[in-house]
Amino acid sequence: MNIKILWADDEIDLLKPHIIFLEQKGYQVSTAQSGDEALDLIFSNNFDIVFLDENMPGLSGLETLSKIKNKQPRLPVVMITKSEEESIMNEAIGSNISDYLIKPVNPNQILLSLKKNLENKKLMSEKTSLGYQQEFRQISMDITNRPDLDAWEEIYRKIIYWELELDKSQDGGLEEIFKMQKSEANTVFCKFVMENYQDWINGKAPERPSLSHLVMREKVLPLLKSNEEQFFLIVIDNLRFDQWKILQPVIENYYRVEQEEIVYSILPTATQYARNAFFSGLLPSEIEKRFPKFWVGEGDEGTRNQFESELFGEQLKRLGAQIPYNYHKILNLSAGKKMLENLSNYTNKKLNILVYNFVDMLSHARTDMEVIKELADDEAAYRSLTLSWFEHSPLLEMIRFLQQKKISIILTTDHGSIKVSHPTKVTGDRNTNTNLRYKTGRNLQYNANEVYEIRNPQDIFLPRTNISSCYIFAREDSFFAYPNNYNYYVNYYKNTFQHGGISLEEMLVPFVYLKSR
């Protein structure tokens, strides 16, 4: 240990036993008897922490603190005082102290403050590493024990919890072990989906998840009917469960989490299919059949999600729900700012729907822009970039405004995304769609052992572009690549975030009910 402490107190001689105690613990302690002497020592030496008496003659503790922070704002300062006056405490805390102790202090208080301020990260990292090592075996057993829907939700929650905790600890060795366990979980989960998806989608399974087309009916409308307050339904496109958990602490400054669930995206886990299903309450082939003017196919021109409001209105009619609503879609920053400026005009209905596309744009930019590639080099960086965007976005300002109006929020998404690593070769004709995680068309050539294939699209209620069309879905972290110019294609898209296939990250997405504080 080579931690250097400065202790400034005009009665420093009376603190000799405390100083000896710290030196016996391996700390190096320097002393000062005034604020001026403390500043001279601080500005000519490198200290790790300062203990500062609040009530010293001459330059007071608070005045000394101000001068320290002006020169060395990151130096931890622990204020020690005889006074319990709230005004002094508030002034000290407002000056960014690291801790506040009331005299007389005992050696253990000092030691605890040191550990909290200087060794906290190390202790937390060690605790996290030990905790994950202890739970690793249980998670592995849960994965291999043929988990059902409830078990998969619990496994995924644990995986995300430990992923975020290991981000903080930065234990490189455990990080590699975790990646292997998460990969194993995705392998087993993909098999689980392939075994059960057709039964889920056709209503033949004894139990099924809340899929995209059922979420409005099973989750949203019951909340609207059982609560008198107004609601904002915020659909952040492409929001993964781990990204929600990163945003949660910020949102909880304004809202309480009343309900947090995991719902399932349908296949393909892509906006055209999952979000249209969410708003319509129908599966894609049902939308195409009932409302052909609202469905834009893979080979058609035009935006594929331009009729969400109309589809939602039709769903309300079918369900006999008389719910007045507004609908808005934010595609870029300027649209977000404009919405924020006029938000007070959009809070007059029982339900106000806001589709926010930025996370989807971020994931695509991750593919297309070299700068974003550098900023979001891995999963942790991708989460960090999402948080940074959110903290400076009009969306957070909207949430603050809604909290002041006591308007409840339902926060959810249509699908997630996964960082792809392994190319899978596929060929098709010129009409084959371009998505990297699912393909539909005729004359597709692929290795059936590497994909989830649906030869008859109607089996899972997907539109058929022509009589011989089929669908294939990428599994785990694979992505489809054409043999032509194969190496360039693989290098360009490897380690980018994509969606459309089968993985925990794409299919298991958050559904959260928030109530204002």
Protein backbone atom coordinates (compact mmCIF):
# COMPACT_ATOMS: atom_id res chain seq x y z
CA MET A 1 0.00 0.00 0.00
CA ASN A 2 1.30 3.45 -0.91
CA ILE A 3 -1.65 5.69 -0.05
CA LYS A 4 -0.75 9.22 1.03
CA ILE A 5 -3.06 11.07 3.45
CA LEU A 6 -2.98 14.72 4.51
CA TRP A 7 -4.74 15.46 7.80
CA ALA A 8 -5.30 19.17 8.50
CA ASP A 9 -6.45 20.12 12.01
CA ASP A 10 -5.36 22.93 14.34
CA GLU A 11 -5.39 20.35 17.19
CA ILE A 12 -3.40 17.77 15.27
CA ASP A 13 -1.36 16.77 18.33
CA LEU A 14 -4.51 15.39 19.95
CA LEU A 15 -4.99 13.11 16.95
CA LYS A 16 -1.60 11.36 17.31
CA PRO A 17 -3.20 7.99 18.29
CA HIS A 18 -5.33 8.05 15.13
CA ILE A 19 -2.30 8.82 12.97
CA ILE A 20 -0.30 5.99 14.52
CA PHE A 21 -3.23 3.64 13.92
CA LEU A 22 -3.31 4.57 10.22
CA GLU A 23 0.45 4.24 9.84
CA GLN A 24 0.28 0.76 11.37
CA LYS A 25 -2.29 -0.08 8.67
CA GLY A 26 0.26 0.94 6.01
CA TYR A 27 -0.94 4.46 5.19
CA GLN A 28 1.48 7.41 4.87
CA VAL A 29 0.14 10.36 6.87
CA SER A 30 1.28 13.99 6.63
CA THR A 31 -0.15 16.68 8.91
CA ALA A 32 -0.97 20.40 8.80
CA GLN A 33 -2.21 22.74 11.54
CA SER A 34 -3.88 25.39 9.35
CA GLY A 35 -5.59 25.84 6.04
CA ASP A 36 -2.69 27.76 4.55
CA GLU A 37 -0.21 25.04 5.57
CA ALA A 38 -2.51 22.39 4.13
CA LEU A 39 -2.72 24.22 0.77
CA ASP A 40 1.08 24.56 0.58
CA LEU A 41 1.47 20.82 1.14
CA ILE A 42 -1.32 19.86 -1.29
CA PHE A 43 0.03 22.01 -4.11
CA SER A 44 3.60 20.70 -3.69
CA ASN A 45 2.82 17.00 -3.11
CA ASN A 46 0.60 14.27 -4.48
CA PHE A 47 -1.95 13.15 -1.90
CA ASP A 48 -4.62 10.52 -2.39
CA ILE A 49 -7.05 11.97 0.16
CA VAL A 50 -7.38 14.88 2.62
CA PHE A 51 -8.98 14.92 6.08
CA LEU A 52 -9.95 18.53 6.74
CA ASP A 53 -11.11 20.10 10.01
CA GLU A 54 -14.01 22.47 9.40
CA ASN A 55 -13.32 24.83 12.32
CA MET A 56 -9.72 26.08 12.07
CA PRO A 57 -8.45 29.61 12.91
CA GLY A 58 -7.40 31.74 9.97
CA LEU A 59 -8.46 30.07 6.73
CA SER A 60 -11.53 27.99 7.65
CA GLY A 61 -12.10 24.42 6.54
CA LEU A 62 -14.77 25.46 4.02
CA GLU A 63 -12.52 28.19 2.57
CA THR A 64 -9.64 25.72 2.35
CA LEU A 65 -11.96 23.20 0.68
CA SER A 66 -12.95 25.75 -1.96
CA LYS A 67 -9.33 26.50 -2.83
CA ILE A 68 -8.48 22.77 -3.00
CA LYS A 69 -11.36 22.09 -5.38
CA ASN A 70 -10.40 25.02 -7.60
CA LYS A 71 -6.95 23.52 -8.13
CA GLN A 72 -7.57 19.78 -7.74
CA PRO A 73 -11.30 19.08 -8.21
CA ARG A 74 -10.86 15.29 -8.21
CA LEU A 75 -8.90 15.09 -4.94
CA PRO A 76 -11.16 13.39 -2.32
CA VAL A 77 -11.71 15.58 0.76
CA VAL A 78 -13.32 14.32 3.99
CA MET A 79 -14.71 17.14 6.15
CA ILE A 80 -14.45 16.68 9.94
CA THR A 81 -16.37 19.01 12.28
CA LYS A 82 -17.72 19.38 15.80
CA SER A 83 -20.82 21.12 14.45
CA GLU A 84 -24.00 19.31 13.51
CA GLU A 85 -25.59 22.42 12.02
CA GLU A 86 -27.47 21.55 8.86
CA SER A 87 -26.31 24.71 7.05
CA ILE A 88 -22.64 23.75 7.48
CA MET A 89 -23.33 20.22 6.32
CA ASN A 90 -25.20 21.49 3.25
CA GLU A 91 -22.44 23.93 2.35
CA ALA A 92 -19.77 21.25 2.69
CA ILE A 93 -21.74 18.68 0.70
CA GLY A 94 -22.50 21.30 -1.94
CA SER A 95 -18.76 21.89 -2.27
CA ASN A 96 -18.34 18.29 -3.41
CA ILE A 97 -16.82 16.64 -0.35
CA SER A 98 -16.32 12.89 -0.40
CA ASP A 99 -17.46 12.25 3.20
CA TYR A 100 -18.60 14.09 6.34
CA LEU A 101 -17.59 13.01 9.88
CA ILE A 102 -18.67 14.44 13.25
CA LYS A 103 -16.11 14.78 16.07
CA PRO A 104 -15.06 12.93 18.07
CA VAL A 105 -14.10 10.42 15.41
CA ASN A 106 -12.74 6.98 16.17
CA PRO A 107 -10.08 5.11 14.17
CA ASN A 108 -12.58 2.70 12.62
CA GLN A 109 -14.65 5.59 11.23
CA ILE A 110 -11.52 6.96 9.58
CA LEU A 111 -10.61 3.54 8.19
CA LEU A 112 -14.12 3.01 6.81
CA SER A 113 -14.02 6.41 5.11
CA LEU A 114 -10.68 5.56 3.52
CA LYS A 115 -11.90 2.25 2.19
CA LYS A 116 -15.12 3.79 0.92
CA ASN A 117 -13.34 6.55 -0.97
CA LEU A 118 -10.10 4.89 -2.10
CA GLU A 119 -10.68 1.15 -2.18
CA ASN A 120 -14.37 1.05 -3.02
CA LYS A 121 -13.88 0.18 -6.70
CA LYS A 122 -11.34 -2.52 -5.90
CA LEU A 123 -13.54 -4.04 -3.18
CA MET A 124 -16.60 -3.92 -5.43
CA SER A 125 -14.65 -5.54 -8.26
CA GLU A 126 -13.45 -8.35 -5.98
CA LYS A 127 -16.98 -8.86 -4.64
CA THR A 128 -18.43 -8.94 -8.17
CA SER A 129 -15.84 -11.44 -9.37
CA LEU A 130 -16.45 -13.71 -6.39
CA GLY A 131 -20.23 -13.41 -6.78
CA TYR A 132 -20.18 -14.36 -10.45
CA GLN A 133 -17.84 -17.27 -9.84
CA GLN A 134 -20.23 -18.57 -7.20
CA GLU A 135 -23.26 -18.19 -9.52
CA PHE A 136 -21.56 -19.43 -12.70
CA ARG A 137 -22.23 -23.08 -11.92
CA GLN A 138 -25.90 -22.47 -11.09
CA ILE A 139 -26.49 -20.53 -14.30
CA SER A 140 -24.82 -23.30 -16.31
CA MET A 141 -27.04 -25.90 -14.64
CA ASP A 142 -30.13 -23.78 -15.34
CA ILE A 143 -29.19 -23.51 -19.03
CA THR A 144 -28.71 -27.26 -19.50
CA ASN A 145 -31.78 -28.26 -17.46
CA ARG A 146 -34.30 -27.80 -20.33
CA PRO A 147 -35.59 -24.42 -19.12
CA ASP A 148 -39.19 -23.41 -19.79
CA LEU A 149 -40.39 -19.87 -20.49
CA ASP A 150 -40.21 -18.73 -16.86
CA ALA A 151 -36.77 -20.27 -16.45
CA TRP A 152 -35.48 -18.55 -19.59
CA GLU A 153 -36.65 -15.19 -18.32
CA GLU A 154 -34.84 -15.77 -15.03
CA ILE A 155 -31.68 -16.96 -16.81
CA TYR A 156 -31.65 -13.90 -19.07
CA ARG A 157 -32.18 -11.53 -16.16
CA LYS A 158 -29.21 -13.12 -14.37
CA ILE A 159 -27.05 -12.95 -17.48
CA ILE A 160 -27.79 -9.24 -17.97
CA TYR A 161 -27.24 -8.53 -14.26
CA TRP A 162 -23.81 -10.13 -14.27
CA GLU A 163 -22.88 -8.61 -17.62
CA LEU A 164 -23.50 -5.13 -16.24
CA GLU A 165 -21.72 -5.92 -12.97
CA LEU A 166 -18.67 -7.30 -14.80
CA ASP A 167 -18.61 -4.14 -16.93
CA LYS A 168 -17.90 -2.24 -13.71
CA SER A 169 -15.30 -4.67 -12.36
CA GLN A 170 -13.35 -4.90 -15.64
CA ASP A 171 -12.08 -8.37 -14.79
CA GLY A 172 -10.73 -9.48 -18.18
CA GLY A 173 -10.42 -13.15 -17.24
CA LEU A 174 -13.99 -13.43 -16.02
CA GLU A 175 -15.22 -11.42 -18.98
CA GLU A 176 -14.07 -14.16 -21.36
CA ILE A 177 -15.71 -16.84 -19.21
CA PHE A 178 -18.92 -14.83 -19.18
CA LYS A 179 -18.91 -14.48 -22.97
CA MET A 180 -18.63 -18.25 -23.29
CA GLN A 181 -21.55 -18.77 -20.89
CA LYS A 182 -23.70 -16.22 -22.71
CA SER A 183 -22.89 -17.89 -26.02
CA GLU A 184 -23.87 -21.26 -24.57
CA ALA A 185 -27.15 -19.75 -23.35
CA ASN A 186 -27.89 -18.40 -26.83
CA THR A 187 -27.18 -21.79 -28.44
CA VAL A 188 -29.63 -23.56 -26.13
CA PHE A 189 -32.19 -20.75 -26.39
CA CYS A 190 -32.19 -20.94 -30.19
CA LYS A 191 -32.97 -24.67 -30.01
CA PHE A 192 -35.76 -23.90 -27.54
CA VAL A 193 -37.31 -21.35 -29.93
CA MET A 194 -36.97 -23.65 -32.94
CA GLU A 195 -38.73 -26.45 -31.05
CA ASN A 196 -41.62 -24.27 -29.85
CA TYR A 197 -42.11 -21.24 -32.08
CA GLN A 198 -44.68 -22.72 -34.46
CA ASP A 199 -46.78 -23.96 -31.55
CA TRP A 200 -46.56 -20.54 -29.85
CA ILE A 201 -47.60 -18.67 -32.96
CA ASN A 202 -50.44 -21.11 -33.74
CA GLY A 203 -51.77 -21.19 -30.19
CA LYS A 204 -51.05 -24.90 -29.75
CA ALA A 205 -48.53 -24.70 -26.90
CA PRO A 206 -49.65 -25.30 -23.29
CA GLU A 207 -47.83 -22.08 -22.44
CA ARG A 208 -46.54 -19.30 -24.66
CA PRO A 209 -44.86 -15.92 -24.16
CA SER A 210 -46.50 -12.57 -24.79
CA LEU A 211 -45.49 -12.18 -28.43
CA SER A 212 -45.46 -8.87 -30.32
CA HIS A 213 -49.02 -9.14 -31.61
CA LEU A 214 -50.38 -9.97 -28.14
CA VAL A 215 -48.61 -7.33 -26.05
CA MET A 216 -51.13 -4.55 -26.66
CA ARG A 217 -54.06 -6.81 -25.79
CA GLU A 218 -52.46 -8.63 -22.86
CA LYS A 219 -50.27 -5.92 -21.31
CA VAL A 220 -51.09 -2.38 -22.46
CA LEU A 221 -54.89 -2.28 -22.54
CA PRO A 222 -55.36 -3.92 -19.11
CA LEU A 223 -53.17 -1.17 -17.60
CA LEU A 224 -55.20 1.52 -19.35
CA LYS A 225 -58.50 0.04 -18.17
CA SER A 226 -57.45 -0.50 -14.55
CA ASN A 227 -55.93 2.96 -14.01
CA GLU A 228 -57.57 6.36 -14.17
CA GLU A 229 -54.43 8.32 -15.06
CA GLN A 230 -53.21 9.31 -18.51
CA PHE A 231 -50.51 7.25 -20.18
CA PHE A 232 -47.65 7.80 -22.58
CA LEU A 233 -46.74 4.62 -24.45
CA ILE A 234 -43.10 5.10 -25.49
CA VAL A 235 -41.81 2.55 -28.00
CA ILE A 236 -38.02 2.93 -28.33
CA ASP A 237 -37.21 0.97 -31.44
CA ASN A 238 -34.51 -1.69 -31.11
CA LEU A 239 -34.13 -1.30 -27.32
CA ARG A 240 -32.51 -4.36 -25.78
CA PHE A 241 -33.17 -5.44 -22.20
CA ASP A 242 -29.59 -4.58 -21.15
CA GLN A 243 -30.01 -1.10 -22.63
CA TRP A 244 -33.18 -0.61 -20.59
CA LYS A 245 -31.29 -1.62 -17.43
CA ILE A 246 -28.63 0.98 -18.24
CA LEU A 247 -31.30 3.70 -18.69
CA GLN A 248 -33.30 2.61 -15.64
CA PRO A 249 -31.27 4.47 -12.95
CA VAL A 250 -31.67 7.75 -14.86
CA ILE A 251 -35.40 7.26 -15.35
CA GLU A 252 -35.86 6.30 -11.70
CA ASN A 253 -34.92 9.85 -10.71
CA TYR A 254 -38.40 10.74 -11.97
CA TYR A 255 -40.42 7.52 -12.10
CA ARG A 256 -40.94 4.39 -10.01
CA VAL A 257 -40.88 1.03 -11.77
CA GLU A 258 -44.30 -0.46 -10.97
CA GLN A 259 -43.97 -3.42 -13.31
CA GLU A 260 -41.07 -4.85 -15.32
CA GLU A 261 -41.64 -7.82 -17.59
CA ILE A 262 -39.98 -9.51 -20.52
CA VAL A 263 -42.01 -10.01 -23.70
CA TYR A 264 -41.03 -11.74 -26.95
CA SER A 265 -40.56 -10.31 -30.41
CA ILE A 266 -42.01 -12.36 -33.25
CA LEU A 267 -39.87 -13.56 -36.16
CA PRO A 268 -38.40 -11.90 -38.05
CA THR A 269 -37.18 -9.69 -35.21
CA ALA A 270 -37.34 -6.70 -37.53
CA THR A 271 -39.31 -3.46 -37.39
CA GLN A 272 -41.47 -4.19 -40.45
CA TYR A 273 -42.81 -7.36 -38.86
CA ALA A 274 -42.58 -6.99 -35.08
CA ARG A 275 -43.76 -3.38 -34.75
CA ASN A 276 -46.59 -3.73 -37.25
CA ALA A 277 -47.69 -6.81 -35.29
CA PHE A 278 -47.45 -4.84 -32.04
CA PHE A 279 -49.73 -2.04 -33.21
CA SER A 280 -52.16 -4.15 -35.22
CA GLY A 281 -52.58 -7.08 -32.84
CA LEU A 282 -52.20 -9.29 -35.90
CA LEU A 283 -49.45 -11.41 -37.40
CA PRO A 284 -47.84 -10.25 -40.66
CA SER A 285 -49.78 -12.46 -43.09
CA GLU A 286 -53.02 -11.49 -41.30
CA ILE A 287 -52.19 -7.80 -41.77
CA GLU A 288 -51.46 -8.38 -45.46
CA LYS A 289 -54.76 -10.23 -45.89
CA ARG A 290 -57.05 -7.91 -43.88
CA PHE A 291 -55.39 -4.58 -44.60
CA PRO A 292 -53.40 -4.89 -47.85
CA LYS A 293 -53.19 -1.10 -48.16
CA PHE A 294 -51.35 -0.98 -44.80
CA TRP A 295 -48.80 -3.71 -45.60
CA VAL A 296 -45.64 -2.94 -47.59
CA GLY A 297 -43.91 -6.15 -48.70
CA GLU A 298 -40.21 -6.93 -48.96
CA GLY A 299 -40.07 -6.08 -52.65
CA ASP A 300 -42.40 -3.08 -52.54
CA GLU A 301 -41.41 0.56 -52.56
CA GLY A 302 -42.12 2.79 -49.58
CA THR A 303 -41.70 2.96 -45.82
CA ARG A 304 -42.71 -0.32 -44.21
CA ASN A 305 -44.08 1.16 -40.97
CA GLN A 306 -46.06 4.18 -42.12
CA PHE A 307 -49.50 2.91 -41.01
CA GLU A 308 -48.91 2.09 -37.33
CA SER A 309 -51.51 4.55 -36.08
CA GLU A 310 -54.14 3.23 -38.49
CA LEU A 311 -53.36 -0.38 -37.53
CA PHE A 312 -53.67 0.48 -33.85
CA GLY A 313 -57.03 2.15 -34.47
CA GLU A 314 -58.26 -1.00 -36.20
CA GLN A 315 -57.10 -3.13 -33.27
CA LEU A 316 -59.04 -0.95 -30.82
CA LYS A 317 -62.17 -1.36 -32.96
CA ARG A 318 -61.83 -5.16 -33.00
CA LEU A 319 -61.39 -5.22 -29.22
CA GLY A 320 -64.25 -2.82 -28.63
CA ALA A 321 -61.96 -0.44 -26.74
CA GLN A 322 -63.06 3.20 -26.78
CA ILE A 323 -59.70 4.83 -26.01
CA PRO A 324 -58.88 8.26 -27.44
CA TYR A 325 -55.20 8.44 -28.47
CA ASN A 326 -52.51 10.55 -30.09
CA TYR A 327 -49.72 9.03 -32.18
CA HIS A 328 -46.29 10.52 -32.92
CA LYS A 329 -43.09 9.17 -34.44
CA ILE A 330 -39.65 10.67 -33.86
CA LEU A 331 -37.13 9.89 -36.59
CA ASN A 332 -34.39 12.43 -35.88
CA LEU A 333 -33.13 15.02 -33.39
CA SER A 334 -34.98 17.96 -34.92
CA ALA A 335 -38.28 16.05 -34.76
CA GLY A 336 -37.54 15.23 -31.10
CA LYS A 337 -36.92 18.89 -30.26
CA LYS A 338 -40.09 19.96 -32.05
CA MET A 339 -42.10 17.35 -30.16
CA LEU A 340 -40.63 18.56 -26.87
CA GLU A 341 -41.58 22.18 -27.62
CA ASN A 342 -45.19 21.17 -28.28
CA LEU A 343 -45.52 18.38 -25.72
CA SER A 344 -48.10 20.24 -23.64
CA ASN A 345 -50.46 20.06 -26.65
CA TYR A 346 -50.22 16.26 -26.76
CA THR A 347 -51.26 15.35 -23.23
CA ASN A 348 -55.01 15.75 -23.66
CA LYS A 349 -55.83 12.10 -24.46
CA LYS A 350 -56.05 9.01 -22.31
CA LEU A 351 -53.26 7.41 -24.38
CA ASN A 352 -50.41 9.16 -26.15
CA ILE A 353 -48.17 6.96 -28.29
CA LEU A 354 -44.59 8.00 -29.01
CA VAL A 355 -42.40 5.88 -31.31
CA TYR A 356 -38.75 6.87 -30.87
CA ASN A 357 -36.44 5.52 -33.54
CA PHE A 358 -33.06 6.75 -32.36
CA VAL A 359 -31.70 3.50 -30.94
CA ASP A 360 -32.49 1.82 -34.24
CA MET A 361 -30.63 4.58 -36.09
CA LEU A 362 -27.74 4.17 -33.68
CA SER A 363 -27.44 0.45 -34.36
CA HIS A 364 -27.49 0.99 -38.12
CA ALA A 365 -25.01 3.85 -37.81
CA ARG A 366 -22.82 1.38 -35.90
CA THR A 367 -22.63 -0.55 -39.16
CA ASP A 368 -22.30 2.31 -41.59
CA MET A 369 -20.20 4.94 -39.87
CA GLU A 370 -16.57 4.42 -38.95
CA VAL A 371 -16.76 6.96 -36.12
CA ILE A 372 -19.64 5.08 -34.48
CA LYS A 373 -17.76 1.82 -34.99
CA GLU A 374 -14.91 3.24 -32.97
CA LEU A 375 -17.23 4.58 -30.25
CA ALA A 376 -19.23 1.34 -29.94
CA ASP A 377 -16.49 -1.23 -30.32
CA ASP A 378 -18.10 -3.77 -27.98
CA GLU A 379 -21.26 -4.48 -25.99
CA ALA A 380 -20.24 -2.30 -23.04
CA ALA A 381 -19.39 0.63 -25.32
CA TYR A 382 -22.69 0.19 -27.16
CA ARG A 383 -24.57 0.42 -23.86
CA SER A 384 -22.50 3.43 -22.84
CA LEU A 385 -23.26 5.18 -26.13
CA THR A 386 -26.97 4.50 -25.64
CA LEU A 387 -26.83 6.02 -22.16
CA SER A 388 -24.91 9.06 -23.39
CA TRP A 389 -27.48 9.64 -26.12
CA PHE A 390 -30.38 9.29 -23.69
CA GLU A 391 -28.93 11.69 -21.11
CA HIS A 392 -28.65 14.42 -23.76
CA SER A 393 -31.78 13.61 -25.74
CA PRO A 394 -35.15 15.37 -26.02
CA LEU A 395 -36.65 12.09 -24.83
CA LEU A 396 -35.26 12.54 -21.31
CA GLU A 397 -36.60 16.10 -21.28
CA MET A 398 -39.99 14.73 -22.29
CA ILE A 399 -39.88 12.22 -19.44
CA ARG A 400 -39.12 15.02 -16.98
CA PHE A 401 -42.07 17.02 -18.33
CA LEU A 402 -44.41 14.03 -18.08
CA GLN A 403 -43.30 13.41 -14.49
CA GLN A 404 -44.28 16.96 -13.55
CA LYS A 405 -47.71 16.34 -15.10
CA LYS A 406 -48.02 13.02 -13.20
CA ILE A 407 -48.54 11.13 -16.46
CA SER A 408 -47.71 7.42 -16.31
CA ILE A 409 -45.41 5.80 -18.87
CA ILE A 410 -45.35 2.40 -20.53
CA LEU A 411 -41.89 1.83 -22.01
CA THR A 412 -41.28 -1.00 -24.44
CA THR A 413 -39.88 -1.90 -27.87
CA ASP A 414 -40.51 -4.16 -30.84
CA HIS A 415 -37.22 -6.09 -30.98
CA GLY A 416 -33.58 -5.99 -29.90
CA SER A 417 -30.30 -6.61 -31.71
CA ILE A 418 -27.21 -8.79 -31.42
CA LYS A 419 -23.55 -8.26 -32.17
CA VAL A 420 -22.82 -10.65 -35.03
CA SER A 421 -19.54 -12.51 -35.39
CA HIS A 422 -19.89 -15.65 -37.51
CA PRO A 423 -20.74 -15.52 -41.25
CA THR A 424 -23.09 -18.10 -42.78
CA LYS A 425 -23.05 -18.47 -46.57
CA VAL A 426 -26.30 -18.03 -48.46
CA THR A 427 -27.24 -17.44 -52.10
CA GLY A 428 -30.48 -16.28 -53.67
CA ASP A 429 -31.92 -14.54 -56.68
CA ARG A 430 -31.98 -10.79 -57.21
CA ASN A 431 -35.29 -10.42 -55.32
CA THR A 432 -33.91 -11.81 -52.06
CA ASN A 433 -34.14 -9.27 -49.22
CA THR A 434 -30.98 -7.62 -47.88
CA ASN A 435 -31.36 -8.19 -44.10
CA LEU A 436 -28.33 -9.94 -42.58
CA ARG A 437 -30.28 -11.97 -39.99
CA TYR A 438 -33.17 -13.33 -42.08
CA LYS A 439 -33.72 -14.04 -45.75
CA THR A 440 -36.86 -14.61 -47.75
CA GLY A 441 -37.16 -15.45 -51.42
CA ARG A 442 -37.05 -18.34 -53.81
CA ASN A 443 -34.09 -20.50 -54.79
CA LEU A 444 -32.29 -19.81 -51.52
CA GLN A 445 -29.21 -22.00 -51.06
CA TYR A 446 -27.88 -22.50 -47.52
CA ASN A 447 -26.71 -25.05 -44.97
CA ALA A 448 -29.92 -26.15 -43.19
CA ASN A 449 -27.93 -27.05 -40.06
CA GLU A 450 -26.90 -23.42 -39.61
CA VAL A 451 -30.33 -21.76 -39.83
CA TYR A 452 -33.94 -22.01 -38.72
CA GLU A 453 -35.81 -22.70 -41.94
CA ILE A 454 -39.51 -22.21 -42.61
CA ARG A 455 -40.34 -23.69 -45.99
CA ASN A 456 -44.01 -22.78 -45.76
CA PRO A 457 -44.24 -19.16 -44.50
CA GLN A 458 -47.91 -19.59 -43.63
CA ASP A 459 -46.86 -22.01 -40.86
CA ILE A 460 -45.77 -18.98 -38.83
CA PHE A 461 -48.11 -16.41 -40.44
CA LEU A 462 -45.57 -14.73 -42.71
CA PRO A 463 -46.39 -13.35 -46.17
CA ARG A 464 -45.24 -15.32 -49.17
CA THR A 465 -43.80 -13.19 -51.95
CA ASN A 466 -44.29 -16.01 -54.50
CA ILE A 467 -45.29 -19.67 -54.60
CA SER A 468 -41.81 -21.04 -53.85
CA SER A 469 -40.67 -18.50 -51.26
CA CYS A 470 -39.33 -19.61 -47.89
CA TYR A 471 -37.77 -17.90 -44.85
CA ILE A 472 -34.51 -18.64 -43.09
CA PHE A 473 -33.36 -17.10 -39.81
CA ALA A 474 -29.82 -16.68 -38.52
CA ARG A 475 -29.18 -18.25 -35.12
CA GLU A 476 -27.07 -17.06 -32.18
CA ASP A 477 -24.48 -14.50 -33.42
CA SER A 478 -24.28 -15.53 -37.07
CA PHE A 479 -25.06 -13.38 -40.10
CA PHE A 480 -25.71 -14.15 -43.75
CA ALA A 481 -23.01 -13.43 -46.30
CA TYR A 482 -22.98 -13.95 -50.05
CA PRO A 483 -20.12 -15.97 -51.60
CA ASN A 484 -19.43 -13.17 -54.09
CA ASN A 485 -16.88 -10.78 -52.62
CA TYR A 486 -17.17 -12.85 -49.44
CA ASN A 487 -14.14 -11.56 -47.50
CA TYR A 488 -15.02 -7.90 -47.99
CA TYR A 489 -18.62 -8.55 -46.98
CA VAL A 490 -17.61 -10.46 -43.85
CA ASN A 491 -15.03 -7.89 -42.72
CA TYR A 492 -17.49 -5.04 -43.26
CA TYR A 493 -20.35 -6.51 -41.22
CA LYS A 494 -18.55 -8.60 -38.62
CA ASN A 495 -18.95 -7.22 -35.06
CA THR A 496 -21.87 -4.98 -36.02
CA PHE A 497 -25.27 -4.98 -34.32
CA GLN A 498 -28.03 -6.57 -36.40
CA HIS A 499 -31.56 -7.86 -35.91
CA GLY A 500 -34.03 -10.16 -37.64
CA GLY A 501 -32.94 -13.57 -36.34
CA ILE A 502 -33.11 -15.70 -33.21
CA SER A 503 -31.19 -14.77 -30.06
CA LEU A 504 -31.85 -13.77 -26.49
CA GLU A 505 -30.87 -10.18 -27.27
CA GLU A 506 -33.27 -9.85 -30.21
CA MET A 507 -36.32 -11.73 -28.91
CA LEU A 508 -36.48 -11.05 -25.14
CA VAL A 509 -37.34 -7.36 -24.78
CA PRO A 510 -38.51 -5.10 -21.92
CA PHE A 511 -42.04 -4.09 -21.05
CA VAL A 512 -42.06 -1.54 -18.20
CA TYR A 513 -44.86 0.34 -16.42
CA LEU A 514 -43.60 3.56 -14.80
CA LYS A 515 -45.46 5.78 -12.35
CA SER A 516 -44.33 9.33 -11.55
CA ARG A 517 -42.63 9.99 -8.21
